[in-house]
């Protein structure tokens, strides 16, 4: 199929790229059911509309492709960013509720 062809073109060194090529087949990440709607994207991450399966609540899910980060400083500070974001509580700042990682990212 076309999806399999796209998937086979992705280098094995970046599993996140393989995940993106197979996005239609990827149904869930942890407790989150992905939708096909992309809210925004950057150089190494994508924000997607998802639904928390247990709470039945729509959320914005930031999916980061760590293998796309080439700058060691940026890679080192991904965890730091999550720590800082978890402590921010403001009506104009998106709240961070959970951090998880998989081999697919």
Protein backbone atom coordinates (compact mmCIF):
# COMPACT_ATOMS: atom_id res chain seq x y z
CA UNK A 1 0.00 0.00 0.00
CA UNK A 2 0.96 3.65 -0.24
CA UNK A 3 1.41 3.86 3.57
CA UNK A 4 3.84 0.92 3.54
CA UNK A 5 5.82 2.54 0.71
CA UNK A 6 6.12 5.81 2.67
CA UNK A 7 7.11 3.90 5.79
CA UNK A 8 9.84 1.98 3.98
CA UNK A 9 11.46 5.24 2.76
CA UNK A 10 12.08 6.48 6.31
CA UNK A 11 15.58 5.92 7.72
CA UNK A 12 15.73 3.48 10.65
CA UNK A 13 17.84 5.98 12.63
CA UNK A 14 14.77 8.10 13.35
CA UNK A 15 11.83 6.04 14.67
CA UNK A 16 9.74 9.21 15.04
CA UNK A 17 9.89 9.69 11.29
CA UNK A 18 8.66 6.13 10.82
CA UNK A 19 5.84 6.91 13.26
CA UNK A 20 4.87 9.97 11.26
CA UNK A 21 4.77 7.94 8.05
CA UNK A 22 2.49 5.42 9.78
CA UNK A 23 0.40 8.02 11.61
CA UNK A 24 -2.89 6.75 10.19
CA UNK A 25 -2.24 3.32 11.67
CA UNK A 26 -1.15 4.70 15.08
CA UNK A 27 -4.32 4.81 17.15
CA UNK A 28 -3.11 5.74 20.64
CA UNK A 29 -0.17 6.90 22.72
CA UNK A 30 -0.55 5.87 26.34
CA UNK A 31 -4.02 6.93 27.47
CA UNK A 32 -4.48 9.27 24.51
CA UNK A 33 -6.39 8.49 21.31
CA UNK A 34 -4.86 10.53 18.48
CA UNK A 35 -6.97 12.35 15.94
CA UNK A 36 -5.81 13.23 12.45
CA UNK A 37 -5.88 16.96 13.31
CA UNK A 38 -2.53 18.70 13.69
CA UNK A 39 -2.86 21.91 15.69
CA UNK A 40 0.68 23.10 15.05
CA UNK A 41 4.20 21.91 14.28
CA UNK A 42 7.78 22.96 14.69
CA UNK A 43 11.21 21.67 13.75
CA UNK A 44 11.12 18.65 16.09
CA UNK A 45 7.61 18.48 17.51
CA UNK A 46 3.98 18.43 16.53
CA UNK A 47 0.89 19.36 18.54
CA UNK A 48 -2.05 17.11 17.79
CA UNK A 49 -5.64 16.98 18.93
CA UNK A 50 -6.17 13.87 21.06
CA UNK A 51 -8.72 12.47 23.45
CA UNK A 52 -7.84 11.17 26.91
CA UNK A 53 -9.35 7.68 26.76
CA UNK A 54 -10.15 7.34 30.48
CA UNK A 55 -11.41 10.89 31.11
CA UNK A 56 -13.03 11.29 27.67
CA UNK A 57 -11.52 14.79 27.46
CA UNK A 58 -10.04 16.49 24.40
CA UNK A 59 -6.45 17.60 24.87
CA UNK A 60 -3.59 19.07 22.88
CA UNK A 61 -0.83 16.46 22.77
CA UNK A 62 2.73 17.60 22.00
CA UNK A 63 4.66 14.82 20.28
CA UNK A 64 8.41 15.42 20.18
CA UNK A 65 10.82 13.69 17.83
CA UNK A 66 13.97 13.61 19.94
CA UNK A 67 16.01 12.12 17.10
CA UNK A 68 15.40 15.33 15.09
CA UNK A 69 17.11 17.48 17.74
CA UNK A 70 20.69 17.99 16.63
CA UNK A 71 21.77 20.69 19.08
CA UNK A 72 23.08 19.03 22.30
CA UNK A 73 21.99 22.08 24.35
CA UNK A 74 18.40 21.79 23.15
CA UNK A 75 18.35 18.01 23.64
CA UNK A 76 19.65 18.40 27.21
CA UNK A 77 16.99 20.97 28.07
CA UNK A 78 13.91 19.08 26.85
CA UNK A 79 13.50 17.53 30.31
CA UNK A 80 14.14 20.90 31.96
CA UNK A 81 11.41 22.52 29.84
CA UNK A 82 8.91 19.89 30.98
CA UNK A 83 9.87 20.45 34.62
CA UNK A 84 9.41 24.21 34.31
CA UNK A 85 6.12 23.86 32.39
CA UNK A 86 4.70 21.58 35.08
CA UNK A 87 5.15 24.35 37.66
CA UNK A 88 3.46 27.09 35.64
CA UNK A 89 -0.16 27.83 36.48
CA UNK A 90 -1.61 30.75 34.54
CA UNK A 91 -4.85 31.14 32.54
CA UNK A 92 -2.89 32.16 29.42
CA UNK A 93 -0.38 29.28 29.57
CA UNK A 94 -1.21 25.73 28.49
CA UNK A 95 -0.93 23.37 31.46
CA UNK A 96 1.37 20.36 31.34
CA UNK A 97 -0.35 17.29 32.79
CA UNK A 98 1.87 14.35 31.84
CA UNK A 99 5.21 13.47 30.29
CA UNK A 100 5.83 10.07 28.76
CA UNK A 101 8.17 8.54 26.23
CA UNK A 102 8.04 5.53 23.97
CA UNK A 103 10.47 3.82 21.65
CA UNK A 104 8.41 5.16 18.75
CA UNK A 105 9.48 8.76 19.41
